Amino acid sequence: MAHVPQIKIPATYMRGGTSKGVFFRLQDLPASAQQPGEARDKLLMRVIGSPDPYAKQIDGMGGATSSTSKTVIVAKSSKPGHDVDYLFGQVAIDKAFVDWSGNCGNLSAAVGPFAISGGLIDPSRVPDNGIATVRIWQANIGKTIIAHVPMTNGHVQETGDFELDGVTFPAAEVQLEFLDPAAEEEGAGGAMFPTGNLVDDLEVPGVGTLEATMINAGIPTIFVNAEAIGYTGTELQDAINSDAAALKKFETIRAYGALRMGLIKSLDEIATRQHTPKIAFVAKPAGYTASSGKRVEAGDVDVLVRAMSMGKLHHAMMGTAAVAIGTAAAIPGTLVNLAAGGGERSAVRFGHPSGTLRVGAEARQENGDWTVTKAIMSRSARVLMEGWVRVPGDAF
């Protein structure tokens, strides 16, 4: 019988923040995958190793978690005032599905370094030493991200002493600015609060009526109070992810929240929308031991937050959800703001399963409506491997 040979595609395997994924330049993809559609999705799934009924992604580059089943496509930007277009694909692990509905805030930190190293940035905009400012158009949600990338002797600086809870080793700091982070293309005509309220009573059959802050900022996110669903906000992954009933409850809340936000028109649509919205629970500060064994004291944080990603409790915090947290914390009256002590604030430090993270946000009220001009946080990024990925020639 005839055997189809593998093809090889230039690619870079990168960590960005507390995630990692396979990065491609658009121009390096096979012609049929340079446009959105079935060929592109099939190619990316095969690269990552999905769909995998064993949920291990052994035959691909994925790591069988929401944080490691990720792909990125970067191209020179056609958008005025921007350097590159950044498209993020969240690859489902056990299903044949790539979710293009949102951004990955963690991998956003790797886009600037990848674009510089890949020759996608005008050399005149990149200093030999200092900070390169990369203007990124986030194509999934139509937003601008500004990445401040350190340069040393003409190369992206990757090593350094910046520590990020959830990442084992220190690296160089990459500061990100998420401009106008309210997700205009999501729900209710793009309102930051699609229901029109800072807090809603969300009726969830089988669970009850929960207070919820539903916000479009960074990524559509549903916040509920930890105590209302039987938690303290100090939980680590095993407490949630080993509990099938808990996972089902969170997915039910997420589905009814998505419906209320206008992100889906019927509950059965939620199965094909795994990446968005996120669901998170918040609590007032309390001490706990992080997954690394590090002690986090109540005085170290303003608020506790735990967030679900792709049906499981995240090991740290999604970057886009951190933008949502910072934005909600800056607006008096949201559940995040109230758990953090209320009042106006321009930054918040929150506790997550791996430790703590600080995120800033600039919020203001205009004609009764809240707007956020930008959210700011620091991450780090590093190339793990570069060369080619290989896939069977008939895989897409």
Protein backbone atom coordinates (compact mmCIF):
# COMPACT_ATOMS: atom_id res chain seq x y z
CA MET A 1 0.00 0.00 0.00
CA ALA A 2 1.07 3.59 -0.56
CA HIS A 3 2.24 5.57 2.43
CA VAL A 4 1.82 9.33 2.60
CA PRO A 5 5.02 11.02 3.79
CA GLN A 6 5.08 13.61 6.51
CA ILE A 7 5.48 17.26 5.66
CA LYS A 8 7.42 19.70 7.81
CA ILE A 9 6.34 23.24 8.67
CA PRO A 10 8.53 25.93 10.26
CA ALA A 11 7.36 26.49 13.83
CA THR A 12 8.49 27.68 17.24
CA TYR A 13 7.43 26.15 20.55
CA MET A 14 7.19 28.96 23.11
CA ARG A 15 6.18 29.61 26.66
CA GLY A 16 4.27 32.79 27.28
CA GLY A 17 3.26 33.55 30.87
CA THR A 18 1.86 30.35 32.38
CA SER A 19 0.94 28.84 29.00
CA LYS A 20 2.85 27.37 26.08
CA GLY A 21 1.97 26.74 22.48
CA VAL A 22 3.12 26.24 18.91
CA PHE A 23 3.74 29.49 17.00
CA PHE A 24 3.63 29.87 13.23
CA ARG A 25 4.24 32.68 10.81
CA LEU A 26 1.22 32.80 8.51
CA GLN A 27 3.51 32.73 5.46
CA ASP A 28 5.02 29.42 6.57
CA LEU A 29 1.73 27.51 6.71
CA PRO A 30 0.72 25.31 3.78
CA ALA A 31 -1.33 27.32 1.25
CA SER A 32 -4.62 25.63 2.18
CA ALA A 33 -4.10 26.54 5.85
CA GLN A 34 -3.26 30.19 5.25
CA GLN A 35 -6.98 30.95 5.27
CA PRO A 36 -9.49 30.24 8.06
CA GLY A 37 -11.39 27.02 7.57
CA GLU A 38 -11.39 23.25 7.82
CA ALA A 39 -7.85 22.72 6.46
CA ARG A 40 -6.34 25.11 9.00
CA ASP A 41 -8.27 23.58 11.89
CA LYS A 42 -7.34 20.03 10.90
CA LEU A 43 -3.68 20.98 10.56
CA LEU A 44 -3.52 22.63 13.98
CA MET A 45 -5.34 19.75 15.64
CA ARG A 46 -2.88 17.28 14.13
CA VAL A 47 0.09 19.39 15.26
CA ILE A 48 -1.24 19.47 18.83
CA GLY A 49 -2.40 15.83 18.82
CA SER A 50 -6.18 16.21 18.90
CA PRO A 51 -8.78 14.88 19.05
CA ASP A 52 -7.44 12.33 21.49
CA PRO A 53 -9.95 10.01 23.23
CA TYR A 54 -7.20 9.21 25.74
CA ALA A 55 -6.95 12.96 26.55
CA LYS A 56 -3.13 12.80 26.63
CA GLN A 57 -2.12 14.33 23.26
CA ILE A 58 0.76 11.83 23.11
CA ASP A 59 0.92 12.02 19.31
CA GLY A 60 1.36 15.78 19.15
CA MET A 61 2.85 18.88 20.72
CA GLY A 62 0.03 19.49 23.20
CA GLY A 63 0.39 18.88 26.91
CA ALA A 64 -3.18 17.70 27.56
CA THR A 65 -4.18 20.78 29.59
CA SER A 66 -5.94 23.98 28.61
CA SER A 67 -2.65 25.84 29.21
CA THR A 68 -0.69 23.70 26.75
CA SER A 69 -3.17 22.90 23.98
CA LYS A 70 -2.63 26.17 22.14
CA THR A 71 -1.62 27.49 18.73
CA VAL A 72 -0.70 30.95 17.46
CA ILE A 73 -0.49 32.41 13.95
CA VAL A 74 1.36 35.71 13.46
CA ALA A 75 1.63 37.85 10.32
CA LYS A 76 2.69 41.36 9.37
CA SER A 77 -0.29 43.56 10.14
CA SER A 78 -2.67 44.98 7.59
CA LYS A 79 -4.14 47.14 10.34
CA PRO A 80 -2.87 50.76 10.34
CA GLY A 81 -0.73 51.61 13.37
CA HIS A 82 0.07 47.98 14.16
CA ASP A 83 3.10 45.79 13.55
CA VAL A 84 1.62 42.30 13.55
CA ASP A 85 -1.70 40.46 13.53
CA TYR A 86 -1.98 37.78 16.20
CA LEU A 87 -4.51 34.96 15.91
CA PHE A 88 -4.98 32.46 18.74
CA GLY A 89 -6.48 28.97 18.40
CA GLN A 90 -7.42 27.02 21.53
CA VAL A 91 -7.37 23.36 20.50
CA ALA A 92 -9.82 21.04 22.24
CA ILE A 93 -8.15 17.98 23.72
CA ASP A 94 -10.63 15.15 23.20
CA LYS A 95 -12.86 16.74 20.55
CA ALA A 96 -12.28 17.74 16.94
CA PHE A 97 -12.55 21.44 17.57
CA VAL A 98 -10.48 24.62 17.50
CA ASP A 99 -11.99 27.55 19.41
CA TRP A 100 -11.24 30.94 17.83
CA SER A 101 -13.63 32.92 20.05
CA GLY A 102 -11.10 34.58 22.36
CA ASN A 103 -7.55 35.62 23.09
CA CYS A 104 -4.84 34.01 25.22
CA GLY A 105 -3.40 36.72 27.46
CA ASN A 106 -0.47 34.57 28.55
CA LEU A 107 0.71 33.76 25.04
CA SER A 108 0.28 37.45 24.17
CA ALA A 109 3.59 37.92 26.00
CA ALA A 110 5.36 35.69 23.47
CA VAL A 111 3.94 37.33 20.34
CA GLY A 112 6.28 40.33 20.42
CA PRO A 113 9.44 38.26 20.94
CA PHE A 114 8.34 35.79 18.25
CA ALA A 115 7.57 38.58 15.78
CA ILE A 116 10.93 40.27 16.33
CA SER A 117 12.92 37.04 16.02
CA GLY A 118 10.84 36.01 13.00
CA GLY A 119 11.62 39.17 11.04
CA LEU A 120 8.05 40.44 11.12
CA ILE A 121 8.92 43.83 12.67
CA ASP A 122 10.48 46.75 10.79
CA PRO A 123 14.14 46.70 11.96
CA SER A 124 14.06 50.47 12.41
CA ARG A 125 11.55 49.95 15.24
CA VAL A 126 13.77 47.50 17.13
CA PRO A 127 16.67 48.90 19.20
CA ASP A 128 19.84 46.88 19.68
CA ASN A 129 19.56 47.54 23.39
CA GLY A 130 16.61 48.72 25.43
CA ILE A 131 12.90 48.10 24.98
CA ALA A 132 11.21 47.31 21.67
CA THR A 133 7.57 48.41 21.53
CA VAL A 134 5.51 45.95 19.47
CA ARG A 135 2.01 47.01 18.45
CA ILE A 136 -0.13 43.86 18.20
CA TRP A 137 -3.57 43.55 16.62
CA GLN A 138 -5.38 40.75 18.44
CA ALA A 139 -7.41 39.41 15.53
CA ASN A 140 -9.74 37.10 17.49
CA ILE A 141 -11.38 39.96 19.40
CA GLY A 142 -10.29 43.03 17.43
CA LYS A 143 -8.17 44.63 20.15
CA THR A 144 -4.76 46.28 20.48
CA ILE A 145 -2.03 44.94 22.74
CA ILE A 146 1.23 46.79 23.28
CA ALA A 147 4.16 44.55 24.21
CA HIS A 148 7.34 46.01 25.70
CA VAL A 149 10.08 43.53 24.78
CA PRO A 150 13.60 43.83 26.26
CA MET A 151 16.47 43.73 23.75
CA THR A 152 20.16 43.01 24.41
CA ASN A 153 22.84 43.25 21.71
CA GLY A 154 20.33 43.04 18.90
CA HIS A 155 18.48 40.00 20.21
CA VAL A 156 15.35 39.46 22.27
CA GLN A 157 16.35 39.11 25.91
CA GLU A 158 14.76 35.99 27.34
CA THR A 159 16.70 35.40 30.55
CA GLY A 160 16.35 37.59 33.59
CA ASP A 161 15.25 37.73 37.22
CA PHE A 162 11.52 38.38 36.78
CA GLU A 163 9.57 35.74 38.70
CA LEU A 164 6.03 34.75 37.80
CA ASP A 165 4.05 32.46 40.08
CA GLY A 166 3.07 29.39 38.10
CA VAL A 167 6.35 29.42 36.12
CA THR A 168 9.25 27.45 37.57
CA PHE A 169 12.20 29.58 36.51
CA PRO A 170 12.79 33.35 36.32
CA ALA A 171 13.06 35.10 32.94
CA ALA A 172 13.01 38.55 31.36
CA GLU A 173 9.98 40.71 32.06
CA VAL A 174 7.62 41.56 29.20
CA GLN A 175 5.10 44.25 30.10
CA LEU A 176 1.76 44.11 28.29
CA GLU A 177 -0.82 46.83 27.83
CA PHE A 178 -4.29 45.66 26.81
CA LEU A 179 -5.88 48.78 25.31
CA ASP A 180 -9.63 49.32 25.62
CA PRO A 181 -10.00 45.73 26.81
CA ALA A 182 -13.81 45.59 26.84
CA ALA A 183 -14.65 42.92 24.27
CA GLU A 184 -16.65 44.96 21.79
CA GLU A 185 -17.45 42.04 19.53
CA GLU A 186 -18.92 39.89 22.29
CA GLY A 187 -22.53 39.97 23.43
CA ALA A 188 -25.06 42.78 23.86
CA GLY A 189 -23.63 45.15 21.31
CA GLY A 190 -20.22 45.13 22.93
CA ALA A 191 -21.14 46.53 26.35
CA MET A 192 -18.61 45.87 29.09
CA PHE A 193 -21.53 44.71 31.23
CA PRO A 194 -23.84 43.08 28.66
CA THR A 195 -26.77 42.80 31.09
CA GLY A 196 -26.45 46.47 32.00
CA ASN A 197 -25.75 45.60 35.64
CA LEU A 198 -22.62 45.35 37.76
CA VAL A 199 -24.22 42.46 39.66
CA ASP A 200 -27.08 40.22 38.49
CA ASP A 201 -29.13 37.49 40.06
CA LEU A 202 -28.30 34.52 37.83
CA GLU A 203 -30.78 31.67 38.02
CA VAL A 204 -29.12 28.31 37.46
CA PRO A 205 -31.43 25.28 37.60
CA GLY A 206 -30.11 22.67 40.00
CA VAL A 207 -27.72 25.16 41.57
CA GLY A 208 -29.84 28.10 42.69
CA THR A 209 -29.86 31.85 42.19
CA LEU A 210 -26.36 33.28 42.38
CA GLU A 211 -25.09 36.83 42.47
CA ALA A 212 -22.89 37.24 39.41
CA THR A 213 -20.78 39.92 37.79
CA MET A 214 -20.70 39.25 34.05
CA ILE A 215 -18.10 41.33 32.27
CA ASN A 216 -16.56 41.58 28.81
CA ALA A 217 -12.98 42.71 29.40
CA GLY A 218 -9.95 40.78 28.24
CA ILE A 219 -12.25 37.82 27.83
CA PRO A 220 -15.94 37.40 28.69
CA THR A 221 -16.00 36.26 32.33
CA ILE A 222 -18.64 35.30 34.87
CA PHE A 223 -17.66 36.00 38.49
CA VAL A 224 -19.54 34.46 41.41
CA ASN A 225 -18.84 34.47 45.15
CA ALA A 226 -16.94 31.41 46.38
CA GLU A 227 -19.07 30.97 49.50
CA ALA A 228 -22.27 30.95 47.45
CA ILE A 229 -21.17 27.73 45.74
CA GLY A 230 -19.57 26.10 48.77
CA TYR A 231 -15.94 27.15 48.42
CA THR A 232 -13.47 29.38 50.27
CA GLY A 233 -11.41 30.72 47.36
CA THR A 234 -8.27 28.98 48.67
CA GLU A 235 -8.82 25.77 46.68
CA LEU A 236 -6.09 24.15 44.56
CA GLN A 237 -6.65 22.14 41.40
CA ASP A 238 -7.27 18.71 42.94
CA ALA A 239 -10.09 20.00 45.13
CA ILE A 240 -12.09 20.88 42.02
CA ASN A 241 -10.75 18.80 39.15
CA SER A 242 -11.16 15.47 40.97
CA ASP A 243 -14.82 16.25 41.67
CA ALA A 244 -16.99 15.38 38.66
CA ALA A 245 -20.10 16.90 40.27
CA ALA A 246 -18.27 20.18 40.83
CA LEU A 247 -17.07 20.33 37.23
CA LYS A 248 -20.59 19.72 36.01
CA LYS A 249 -21.91 22.47 38.29
CA PHE A 250 -19.37 24.99 36.99
CA GLU A 251 -20.19 24.13 33.39
CA THR A 252 -23.89 24.57 34.11
CA ILE A 253 -23.29 28.00 35.66
CA ARG A 254 -21.08 28.91 32.69
CA ALA A 255 -23.77 27.90 30.22
CA TYR A 256 -26.53 29.93 31.89
CA GLY A 257 -24.16 32.88 32.27
CA ALA A 258 -23.21 32.72 28.59
CA LEU A 259 -26.90 32.71 27.69
CA ARG A 260 -27.54 35.72 29.92
CA MET A 261 -24.57 37.56 28.40
CA GLY A 262 -25.87 37.00 24.88
CA LEU A 263 -22.85 34.91 23.88
CA ILE A 264 -25.01 31.95 22.93
CA LYS A 265 -28.63 31.73 21.81
CA SER A 266 -29.37 28.29 23.23
CA LEU A 267 -27.79 26.16 25.95
CA ASP A 268 -26.65 23.44 23.55
CA GLU A 269 -24.30 25.95 21.85
CA ILE A 270 -22.04 25.99 24.91
CA ALA A 271 -20.48 22.65 23.89
CA THR A 272 -18.91 24.31 20.85
CA ARG A 273 -17.74 27.33 22.84
CA GLN A 274 -15.25 25.93 25.31
CA HIS A 275 -12.80 28.86 25.46
CA THR A 276 -15.32 31.58 26.28
CA PRO A 277 -16.82 32.71 28.56
CA LYS A 278 -14.67 31.92 31.57
CA ILE A 279 -16.15 31.32 35.00
CA ALA A 280 -14.36 32.32 38.19
CA PHE A 281 -15.12 32.54 41.89
CA VAL A 282 -13.88 35.20 44.29
CA ALA A 283 -13.41 35.57 48.04
CA LYS A 284 -11.98 37.98 50.56
CA PRO A 285 -8.27 37.55 51.41
CA ALA A 286 -7.26 34.48 53.39
CA GLY A 287 -4.02 32.58 53.85
CA TYR A 288 -3.29 29.36 51.96
CA THR A 289 -0.43 27.24 50.70
CA ALA A 290 0.04 27.51 46.92
CA SER A 291 0.59 24.48 44.71
CA SER A 292 4.36 25.06 44.82
CA GLY A 293 4.36 24.87 48.62
CA LYS A 294 4.81 28.64 48.89
CA ARG A 295 2.77 30.26 51.65
CA VAL A 296 0.44 33.08 50.63
CA GLU A 297 -0.76 35.14 53.59
CA ALA A 298 -4.00 37.11 53.70
CA GLY A 299 -1.99 40.32 53.82
CA ASP A 300 -0.21 39.45 50.56
CA VAL A 301 -3.36 39.83 48.42
CA ASP A 302 -6.39 42.03 47.96
CA VAL A 303 -8.72 39.25 46.80
CA LEU A 304 -8.73 35.53 46.07
CA VAL A 305 -9.73 34.30 42.61
CA ARG A 306 -9.99 30.82 41.14
CA ALA A 307 -10.89 30.41 37.46
CA MET A 308 -12.00 27.56 35.24
CA SER A 309 -10.51 27.01 31.79
CA MET A 310 -11.71 24.41 29.29
CA GLY A 311 -13.73 22.68 32.00
CA LYS A 312 -10.99 22.45 34.64
CA LEU A 313 -9.65 24.69 37.41
CA HIS A 314 -6.66 26.56 35.98
CA HIS A 315 -3.30 25.94 37.66
CA ALA A 316 -2.62 29.69 37.90
CA MET A 317 -4.59 32.38 36.04
CA MET A 318 -5.33 32.95 32.38
CA GLY A 319 -3.89 36.28 31.25
CA THR A 320 -7.16 37.40 29.71
CA ALA A 321 -9.03 36.51 32.90
CA ALA A 322 -6.45 38.57 34.81
CA VAL A 323 -7.48 41.53 32.63
CA ALA A 324 -11.11 40.84 33.55
CA ILE A 325 -10.16 40.66 37.23
CA GLY A 326 -8.22 43.92 37.12
CA THR A 327 -11.01 45.66 35.24
CA ALA A 328 -13.77 44.41 37.54
CA ALA A 329 -11.70 45.26 40.61
CA ALA A 330 -11.35 48.86 39.39
CA ILE A 331 -15.12 49.36 39.15
CA PRO A 332 -16.87 49.93 42.51
CA GLY A 333 -19.73 47.54 43.15
CA THR A 334 -18.70 44.45 41.18
CA LEU A 335 -18.27 41.20 43.09
CA VAL A 336 -14.51 41.33 42.49
CA ASN A 337 -14.32 44.90 43.76
CA LEU A 338 -16.44 44.12 46.83
CA ALA A 339 -14.38 41.03 47.70
CA ALA A 340 -11.27 43.23 47.43
CA GLY A 341 -12.72 45.66 49.98
CA GLY A 342 -14.68 48.01 47.71
CA GLY A 343 -13.91 51.56 46.63
CA GLU A 344 -11.88 52.85 43.73
CA ARG A 345 -8.56 51.23 42.86
CA SER A 346 -6.12 51.31 39.96
CA ALA A 347 -4.48 47.94 40.65
CA VAL A 348 -5.22 44.69 42.41
CA ARG A 349 -3.07 41.82 43.63
CA PHE A 350 -4.99 38.57 43.63
CA GLY A 351 -4.23 35.12 44.92
CA HIS A 352 -4.51 32.13 42.56
CA PRO A 353 -3.59 28.44 42.97
CA SER A 354 0.08 29.00 42.09
CA GLY A 355 0.62 32.23 44.04
CA THR A 356 -0.16 35.89 43.37
CA LEU A 357 -0.39 38.29 40.44
CA ARG A 358 -0.74 42.04 40.19
CA VAL A 359 -2.72 43.67 37.39
CA GLY A 360 -3.51 47.34 36.90
CA ALA A 361 -6.50 48.93 35.17
CA GLU A 362 -7.54 52.48 34.40
CA ALA A 363 -11.33 52.82 34.70
CA ARG A 364 -13.61 55.83 34.41
CA GLN A 365 -17.33 56.48 34.26
CA GLU A 366 -18.82 58.40 31.32
CA ASN A 367 -22.51 59.19 31.10
CA GLY A 368 -23.23 56.47 33.64
CA ASP A 369 -21.30 53.80 31.74
CA TRP A 370 -17.94 52.41 32.81
CA THR A 371 -15.02 52.29 30.40
CA VAL A 372 -11.50 50.99 30.88
CA THR A 373 -8.80 52.55 28.76
CA LYS A 374 -6.21 49.87 29.43
CA ALA A 375 -5.13 47.03 31.68
CA ILE A 376 -1.46 46.42 32.43
CA MET A 377 0.40 43.38 33.65
CA SER A 378 3.82 41.78 33.38
CA ARG A 379 4.55 38.31 32.06
CA SER A 380 7.60 36.61 30.58
CA ALA A 381 8.26 34.51 27.50
CA ARG A 382 10.88 32.09 26.24
CA VAL A 383 11.59 30.00 23.16
CA LEU A 384 11.59 26.33 24.15
CA MET A 385 12.32 24.84 20.73
CA GLU A 386 12.42 25.99 17.14
CA GLY A 387 12.64 24.29 13.78
CA TRP A 388 9.83 22.35 12.12
CA VAL A 389 6.79 20.43 13.23
CA ARG A 390 5.86 17.39 11.16
CA VAL A 391 2.42 16.10 10.26
CA PRO A 392 1.24 13.42 7.86
CA GLY A 393 0.66 14.94 4.44
CA ASP A 394 -2.97 13.82 4.34
CA ALA A 395 -3.84 15.17 7.81
CA PHE A 396 -5.56 18.30 6.56
